[in-house]
Amino acid sequence: MSAATPTIALVLAAGRGERLGEGPKAAIELGGRPLAAWSLATLGACDAVERVIVVGDADALAPTLAGLPAAARAKIVAVVEGGASREESAARGLAAAGDDAGVILIHDAARPFASAALFAAVAAAAARTGAAVAAIPLADTLKRAADMRVAETIPRAGLWRAQTPQGARADLFRRAHAVAAAARAAGSGVAKEDGAIGTDDVALIERLGHAVEIVPGEEANLKITTAADRAWAEAWLAREGAGRAG
């Protein structure tokens, strides 16, 4: 995007890290630095992103932000308090993005290893088609179960595992959130029970009938949710990620 219609990244860092058991997830140490610092440093070096908004507790994030490279600190224009759900946190970030926003990228701080190239690819696809999501083809066969018995085998062809970043034109993201909020207020429409709310950003855009382009994701772009995920990430860094600490 141009300077007149910037690409803005919202980094969602409000998770409590309950399954890791160590307080705010964004501040949990990974490879000698806070978890959120990894993606924020990458965004600082990503030419495709002009501004960054961090969504989370400002006090808890202060040490993380202070320790970032200068280029990353310079891009952060706001720290916004998170909401009660992922959707609410994203909506608060959108509200802070400014009227000049061109493309909005939404990324989980708990995915530390997304590359600058992936951010750029999702941003370019969103600018071109309206909305895009990083995703990996599903490798496993799925089984739908009832009472711990297989009820159905689901072919994996055409199935993808969604990652972040996920991106869209700012006007499209805002319209999708407004429609979802109006439906909830009316007691109809989008329901949490379908699994989309709280887990996926572009699902709201899909509900508008707008196509969402898939951008090939990265196997290393794992979401750190459990102690096993963290152990994998530490091992990955020890094996392949020496250059990521810069």
Protein backbone atom coordinates (compact mmCIF):
# COMPACT_ATOMS: atom_id res chain seq x y z
CA MET A 1 0.00 0.00 0.00
CA SER A 2 1.05 3.61 -0.38
CA ALA A 3 1.86 6.01 2.45
CA ALA A 4 -1.57 7.57 1.86
CA THR A 5 -3.33 4.23 2.43
CA PRO A 6 -1.00 2.38 4.80
CA THR A 7 -0.99 -1.26 5.77
CA ILE A 8 -1.49 -1.52 9.52
CA ALA A 9 -0.82 -4.64 11.57
CA LEU A 10 -2.84 -5.38 14.70
CA VAL A 11 -0.90 -7.71 17.00
CA LEU A 12 -3.26 -9.41 19.44
CA ALA A 13 -1.36 -9.84 22.70
CA ALA A 14 -4.11 -9.97 25.32
CA GLY A 15 -4.03 -13.74 25.94
CA ARG A 16 -3.70 -14.88 29.55
CA GLY A 17 -1.63 -17.98 28.81
CA GLU A 18 -3.62 -20.17 31.19
CA ARG A 19 -2.55 -23.40 29.50
CA LEU A 20 1.08 -22.35 29.88
CA GLY A 21 0.49 -21.39 33.51
CA GLU A 22 2.82 -18.39 33.62
CA GLY A 23 0.74 -15.23 33.44
CA PRO A 24 0.28 -12.98 30.38
CA LYS A 25 1.15 -15.07 27.34
CA ALA A 26 2.79 -12.20 25.46
CA ALA A 27 5.41 -11.83 28.21
CA ILE A 28 6.34 -15.52 28.47
CA GLU A 29 9.99 -16.03 27.59
CA LEU A 30 10.91 -17.80 24.39
CA GLY A 31 14.50 -17.99 23.26
CA GLY A 32 15.55 -15.32 25.74
CA ARG A 33 12.97 -12.72 24.79
CA PRO A 34 9.24 -12.19 25.44
CA LEU A 35 6.93 -14.12 23.15
CA ALA A 36 5.34 -10.99 21.66
CA ALA A 37 8.74 -9.50 20.86
CA TRP A 38 9.35 -11.97 18.04
CA SER A 39 6.53 -10.93 15.72
CA LEU A 40 6.84 -7.26 16.68
CA ALA A 41 10.53 -7.28 15.73
CA THR A 42 9.68 -8.97 12.44
CA LEU A 43 7.04 -6.34 11.68
CA GLY A 44 9.56 -3.64 12.48
CA ALA A 45 11.72 -4.97 9.66
CA CYS A 46 8.83 -5.58 7.24
CA ASP A 47 8.67 -2.88 4.57
CA ALA A 48 5.09 -3.89 3.66
CA VAL A 49 3.73 -2.69 7.02
CA GLU A 50 3.75 1.01 7.88
CA ARG A 51 2.20 0.99 11.36
CA VAL A 52 1.61 -1.46 14.19
CA ILE A 53 -1.04 -1.45 16.90
CA VAL A 54 -0.61 -3.79 19.85
CA VAL A 55 -3.76 -5.02 21.58
CA GLY A 56 -3.13 -6.00 25.20
CA ASP A 57 -2.34 -4.76 28.67
CA ALA A 58 -0.04 -1.73 28.37
CA ASP A 59 1.61 -2.24 31.75
CA ALA A 60 2.31 -5.92 31.16
CA LEU A 61 3.65 -5.19 27.67
CA ALA A 62 5.83 -2.20 28.63
CA PRO A 63 9.06 -4.21 29.24
CA THR A 64 8.54 -6.11 25.97
CA LEU A 65 8.06 -2.92 23.96
CA ALA A 66 11.00 -1.18 25.62
CA GLY A 67 13.30 -4.03 24.61
CA LEU A 68 12.38 -4.01 20.92
CA PRO A 69 14.74 -2.83 18.17
CA ALA A 70 14.36 0.87 17.42
CA ALA A 71 12.71 0.21 14.04
CA ALA A 72 10.02 -1.91 15.69
CA ARG A 73 9.36 0.63 18.45
CA ALA A 74 9.04 3.40 15.88
CA LYS A 75 6.24 1.59 14.03
CA ILE A 76 4.08 1.04 17.11
CA VAL A 77 1.54 3.87 17.19
CA ALA A 78 -0.80 2.61 19.91
CA VAL A 79 -1.28 0.01 22.63
CA VAL A 80 -4.98 -0.76 23.03
CA GLU A 81 -6.58 -2.68 25.90
CA GLY A 82 -7.87 -6.09 24.85
CA GLY A 83 -11.49 -7.14 25.04
CA ALA A 84 -13.35 -10.07 26.54
CA SER A 85 -13.05 -12.07 23.31
CA ARG A 86 -10.77 -12.21 20.31
CA GLU A 87 -13.44 -10.53 18.19
CA GLU A 88 -13.72 -7.66 20.67
CA SER A 89 -9.94 -7.28 20.85
CA ALA A 90 -9.74 -7.11 17.05
CA ALA A 91 -12.58 -4.58 16.96
CA ARG A 92 -10.77 -2.35 19.44
CA GLY A 93 -7.63 -2.53 17.32
CA LEU A 94 -9.63 -1.67 14.20
CA ALA A 95 -11.10 1.36 15.96
CA ALA A 96 -7.59 2.63 16.68
CA ALA A 97 -6.29 2.06 13.15
CA GLY A 98 -7.32 5.46 11.77
CA ASP A 99 -9.47 6.52 8.85
CA ASP A 100 -6.55 6.40 6.42
CA ALA A 101 -5.93 2.66 6.83
CA GLY A 102 -5.74 0.76 3.56
CA VAL A 103 -5.16 -2.87 4.54
CA ILE A 104 -5.41 -4.28 8.05
CA LEU A 105 -3.42 -7.35 9.05
CA ILE A 106 -4.40 -9.18 12.24
CA HIS A 107 -1.78 -11.42 13.83
CA ASP A 108 -1.51 -13.48 17.00
CA ALA A 109 1.42 -12.51 19.20
CA ALA A 110 1.46 -16.21 20.11
CA ARG A 111 2.68 -17.01 16.57
CA PRO A 112 6.27 -15.78 16.94
CA PHE A 113 7.86 -17.10 13.77
CA ALA A 114 5.74 -15.66 10.96
CA SER A 115 8.20 -14.20 8.47
CA ALA A 116 8.27 -10.71 7.00
CA ALA A 117 7.66 -12.33 3.61
CA LEU A 118 4.44 -13.92 4.88
CA PHE A 119 3.17 -10.60 6.25
CA ALA A 120 3.96 -8.98 2.90
CA ALA A 121 2.26 -11.74 0.90
CA VAL A 122 -0.96 -11.60 2.92
CA ALA A 123 -1.01 -7.79 2.71
CA ALA A 124 -0.53 -7.90 -1.07
CA ALA A 125 -3.28 -10.50 -1.53
CA ALA A 126 -5.69 -8.52 0.67
CA ALA A 127 -5.00 -5.34 -1.28
CA ARG A 128 -5.58 -7.19 -4.55
CA THR A 129 -8.69 -9.26 -3.73
CA GLY A 130 -10.10 -7.66 -0.58
CA ALA A 131 -9.26 -10.37 1.97
CA ALA A 132 -6.64 -13.06 2.54
CA VAL A 133 -5.56 -15.65 5.07
CA ALA A 134 -2.32 -17.56 5.59
CA ALA A 135 -3.02 -21.28 5.70
CA ILE A 136 -1.40 -24.71 5.45
CA PRO A 137 -2.94 -27.70 3.64
CA LEU A 138 -4.25 -30.26 6.09
CA ALA A 139 -2.07 -33.38 6.15
CA ASP A 140 -4.15 -35.53 8.49
CA THR A 141 -7.38 -37.40 7.83
CA LEU A 142 -10.19 -36.05 9.99
CA LYS A 143 -12.61 -38.19 11.99
CA ARG A 144 -15.88 -36.86 13.31
CA ALA A 145 -16.75 -38.71 16.53
CA ALA A 146 -19.81 -39.33 18.68
CA ASP A 147 -19.42 -40.91 22.14
CA MET A 148 -15.77 -41.68 21.30
CA ARG A 149 -16.74 -43.70 18.25
CA VAL A 150 -16.01 -42.69 14.66
CA ALA A 151 -19.16 -41.30 13.13
CA GLU A 152 -17.67 -40.05 9.89
CA THR A 153 -14.37 -39.85 8.01
CA ILE A 154 -13.85 -36.47 6.38
CA PRO A 155 -11.64 -36.38 3.26
CA ARG A 156 -8.78 -33.93 3.72
CA ALA A 157 -8.73 -32.75 0.09
CA GLY A 158 -9.39 -29.04 -0.01
CA LEU A 159 -9.01 -28.57 3.77
CA TRP A 160 -6.56 -26.04 5.17
CA ARG A 161 -5.33 -25.05 8.64
CA ALA A 162 -5.79 -21.31 9.06
CA GLN A 163 -2.94 -19.27 10.52
CA THR A 164 -2.32 -15.59 11.04
CA PRO A 165 -1.65 -13.05 9.66
CA GLN A 166 -5.11 -12.62 8.20
CA GLY A 167 -5.81 -9.45 6.28
CA ALA A 168 -8.46 -7.40 4.55
CA ARG A 169 -9.17 -3.92 3.29
CA ALA A 170 -9.95 -1.77 6.30
CA ASP A 171 -13.45 -0.91 5.10
CA LEU A 172 -14.28 -4.61 4.63
CA PHE A 173 -13.02 -5.60 8.08
CA ARG A 174 -14.99 -2.79 9.67
CA ARG A 175 -18.18 -3.66 7.81
CA ALA A 176 -17.82 -7.33 8.77
CA HIS A 177 -17.41 -6.45 12.45
CA ALA A 178 -20.35 -4.02 12.33
CA VAL A 179 -22.62 -6.68 10.80
CA ALA A 180 -21.56 -9.25 13.39
CA ALA A 181 -22.10 -6.80 16.25
CA ALA A 182 -25.57 -5.88 14.95
CA ALA A 183 -26.50 -9.55 14.64
CA ARG A 184 -25.44 -10.24 18.21
CA ALA A 185 -27.34 -7.22 19.47
CA ALA A 186 -30.45 -8.51 17.71
CA GLY A 187 -29.94 -11.99 19.15
CA SER A 188 -29.55 -13.57 15.72
CA GLY A 189 -27.00 -14.27 13.02
CA VAL A 190 -23.44 -15.11 14.00
CA ALA A 191 -23.27 -17.48 16.96
CA LYS A 192 -20.30 -18.45 19.07
CA GLU A 193 -21.36 -22.08 18.95
CA ASP A 194 -20.22 -22.47 15.34
CA GLY A 195 -16.57 -22.14 16.35
CA ALA A 196 -15.73 -19.17 14.16
CA ILE A 197 -16.04 -16.39 16.70
CA GLY A 198 -12.94 -15.98 18.81
CA THR A 199 -10.77 -18.13 16.59
CA ASP A 200 -10.69 -16.65 13.11
CA ASP A 201 -10.77 -13.07 11.82
CA VAL A 202 -11.68 -13.45 8.16
CA ALA A 203 -14.60 -15.76 9.06
CA LEU A 204 -16.63 -12.58 9.59
CA ILE A 205 -15.77 -11.48 6.07
CA GLU A 206 -16.74 -14.87 4.65
CA ARG A 207 -20.19 -14.32 6.20
CA LEU A 208 -20.61 -11.23 4.04
CA GLY A 209 -20.26 -13.47 0.99
CA HIS A 210 -16.85 -12.01 0.12
CA ALA A 211 -14.18 -14.41 -1.14
CA VAL A 212 -11.04 -14.81 0.98
CA GLU A 213 -7.82 -15.71 -0.83
CA ILE A 214 -5.53 -18.36 0.67
CA VAL A 215 -1.84 -17.46 0.91
CA PRO A 216 0.45 -20.45 1.56
CA GLY A 217 1.47 -20.31 5.21
CA GLU A 218 4.60 -21.50 6.95
CA GLU A 219 5.10 -24.70 8.95
CA ALA A 220 7.17 -22.79 11.53
CA ASN A 221 4.29 -20.36 12.08
CA LEU A 222 2.99 -22.39 15.01
CA LYS A 223 0.75 -20.90 17.68
CA ILE A 224 2.29 -21.29 21.14
CA THR A 225 -0.57 -22.51 23.31
CA THR A 226 0.76 -25.38 25.43
CA ALA A 227 4.01 -26.34 27.13
CA ALA A 228 4.61 -28.81 24.29
CA ASP A 229 4.30 -26.00 21.73
CA ARG A 230 6.80 -23.94 23.67
CA ALA A 231 9.23 -26.87 23.85
CA TRP A 232 8.91 -27.32 20.07
CA ALA A 233 9.59 -23.61 19.53
CA GLU A 234 12.69 -23.67 21.74
CA ALA A 235 13.99 -26.71 19.87
CA TRP A 236 13.25 -25.05 16.52
CA LEU A 237 15.16 -21.95 17.56
CA ALA A 238 18.12 -24.02 18.74
CA ARG A 239 18.19 -25.88 15.42
CA GLU A 240 17.25 -23.28 12.80
CA GLY A 241 16.44 -19.94 14.33
CA ALA A 242 19.75 -18.40 15.32
CA GLY A 243 19.18 -15.47 12.98
CA ARG A 244 15.71 -14.77 14.41
CA ALA A 245 17.06 -13.19 17.58
CA GLY A 246 18.43 -10.15 15.82
